[in-house]
Amino acid sequence: MAEIQLGAVETRFADIIWQREPVTSTELTKLAAAELSWKRTTMHTVLRRLCDKGLFQNNNGVVTSLLSRQEFYARHSKKYVDETFAGSLPAFLAAFTSEKKLTAEEITEIRELIDKAGE
């Protein structure tokens, strides 16, 4: 699947959809007005753009995702590691942890992820 690029405003709107899906376009119009100060036409334009990119679908006024929030951000994270650290997750973690100490909880969670990935 091709990479989906979103601008900052599109990302905020996508997060609104992911948090509430399935959501009606009527409800999205209200949410976009309240949270983003958008008019109905703006909401429909951005929603159509996100549907055209293959992120969401609008079936009979009910909006659902074709790609979950987790899947979307996982793809972007992988691309970042590939481009910035030549695909090396250890190099990424070394860079990340050089500026920030991990908590015991974070270390445990990362170990569990590694164990699960190695199965």
Protein backbone atom coordinates (compact mmCIF):
# COMPACT_ATOMS: atom_id res chain seq x y z
CA MET A 1 0.00 0.00 0.00
CA ALA A 2 1.25 3.48 -0.83
CA GLU A 3 2.36 5.79 1.93
CA ILE A 4 -0.33 8.15 3.19
CA GLN A 5 0.91 11.63 4.00
CA LEU A 6 -1.19 13.87 6.24
CA GLY A 7 -0.77 17.50 7.16
CA ALA A 8 -1.18 18.66 10.76
CA VAL A 9 -4.84 19.61 10.35
CA GLU A 10 -5.67 16.38 8.52
CA THR A 11 -3.98 14.44 11.33
CA ARG A 12 -6.07 16.21 13.98
CA PHE A 13 -9.25 15.45 12.05
CA ALA A 14 -8.21 11.83 11.48
CA ASP A 15 -7.64 11.46 15.23
CA ILE A 16 -11.17 12.73 15.86
CA ILE A 17 -12.53 10.05 13.53
CA TRP A 18 -10.37 7.27 15.00
CA GLN A 19 -11.46 8.18 18.54
CA ARG A 20 -15.16 7.99 17.70
CA GLU A 21 -15.61 5.59 14.80
CA PRO A 22 -18.00 4.51 13.54
CA VAL A 23 -19.26 8.08 13.39
CA THR A 24 -21.89 9.69 11.22
CA SER A 25 -20.93 12.56 8.94
CA THR A 26 -23.56 14.66 10.76
CA GLU A 27 -21.79 14.04 14.07
CA LEU A 28 -18.41 14.73 12.41
CA THR A 29 -19.73 18.09 11.20
CA LYS A 30 -20.59 19.00 14.81
CA LEU A 31 -17.27 17.72 16.15
CA ALA A 32 -15.26 19.56 13.49
CA ALA A 33 -17.14 22.76 14.25
CA ALA A 34 -16.55 22.42 18.00
CA GLU A 35 -12.94 21.19 17.95
CA LEU A 36 -11.54 22.75 14.78
CA SER A 37 -13.91 25.68 14.13
CA TRP A 38 -14.71 24.25 10.70
CA LYS A 39 -17.78 24.82 8.59
CA ARG A 40 -19.67 21.85 7.16
CA THR A 41 -18.13 22.33 3.70
CA THR A 42 -14.59 22.27 5.11
CA MET A 43 -15.29 19.07 7.03
CA HIS A 44 -16.70 17.38 3.93
CA THR A 45 -13.75 18.51 1.79
CA VAL A 46 -11.17 17.17 4.24
CA LEU A 47 -13.15 13.96 4.81
CA ARG A 48 -13.33 13.38 1.05
CA ARG A 49 -9.57 13.94 0.80
CA LEU A 50 -8.90 11.40 3.58
CA CYS A 51 -11.24 8.90 1.91
CA ASP A 52 -9.48 9.45 -1.43
CA LYS A 53 -6.15 8.72 0.28
CA GLY A 54 -7.55 5.37 1.42
CA LEU A 55 -7.56 6.13 5.14
CA PHE A 56 -11.33 6.22 5.73
CA GLN A 57 -14.55 5.28 4.01
CA ASN A 58 -17.91 7.01 4.09
CA ASN A 59 -20.72 4.53 3.48
CA ASN A 60 -24.19 6.09 3.55
CA GLY A 61 -23.05 8.81 5.94
CA VAL A 62 -21.21 6.50 8.36
CA VAL A 63 -17.46 7.03 8.50
CA THR A 64 -15.09 4.19 9.44
CA SER A 65 -11.37 3.62 9.00
CA LEU A 66 -9.75 1.47 6.37
CA LEU A 67 -6.46 1.80 8.26
CA SER A 68 -6.42 1.95 12.06
CA ARG A 69 -4.62 4.69 13.93
CA GLN A 70 -2.09 2.13 15.16
CA GLU A 71 -1.45 0.78 11.64
CA PHE A 72 -1.08 4.31 10.26
CA TYR A 73 1.48 5.39 12.88
CA ALA A 74 3.30 2.04 12.73
CA ARG A 75 3.92 2.58 9.01
CA HIS A 76 5.20 6.09 9.58
CA SER A 77 7.44 4.97 12.44
CA LYS A 78 8.93 2.20 10.32
CA LYS A 79 9.56 4.63 7.46
CA TYR A 80 11.27 7.05 9.85
CA VAL A 81 13.54 4.34 11.25
CA ASP A 82 14.29 3.08 7.73
CA GLU A 83 15.19 6.53 6.41
CA THR A 84 16.94 7.96 9.45
CA PHE A 85 18.64 4.94 11.01
CA ALA A 86 19.10 2.70 7.95
CA GLY A 87 16.37 0.45 9.31
CA SER A 88 18.21 -0.21 12.58
CA LEU A 89 15.85 -0.31 15.52
CA PRO A 90 18.78 -0.61 17.99
CA ALA A 91 20.30 2.59 16.53
CA PHE A 92 16.95 4.35 16.90
CA LEU A 93 16.58 3.20 20.52
CA ALA A 94 20.15 4.25 21.29
CA ALA A 95 19.46 7.73 19.92
CA PHE A 96 16.12 7.95 21.71
CA THR A 97 17.45 6.84 25.09
CA SER A 98 20.56 9.02 24.92
CA GLU A 99 18.37 12.03 25.76
CA LYS A 100 15.75 10.35 27.94
CA LYS A 101 16.04 7.83 30.73
CA LEU A 102 13.50 5.03 30.50
CA THR A 103 11.32 4.22 33.48
CA ALA A 104 11.26 0.68 34.87
CA GLU A 105 7.75 0.35 33.44
CA GLU A 106 8.92 1.40 29.97
CA ILE A 107 11.83 -1.04 30.09
CA THR A 108 9.48 -3.87 31.06
CA GLU A 109 7.06 -2.94 28.28
CA ILE A 110 9.87 -2.82 25.68
CA ARG A 111 11.18 -6.21 26.85
CA GLU A 112 7.70 -7.69 26.49
CA LEU A 113 7.42 -6.25 22.97
CA ILE A 114 10.82 -7.71 22.04
CA ASP A 115 9.88 -11.11 23.47
CA LYS A 116 6.58 -11.09 21.59
CA ALA A 117 8.26 -10.01 18.32
CA GLY A 118 10.79 -12.84 18.65
CA GLU A 119 8.16 -15.55 18.92
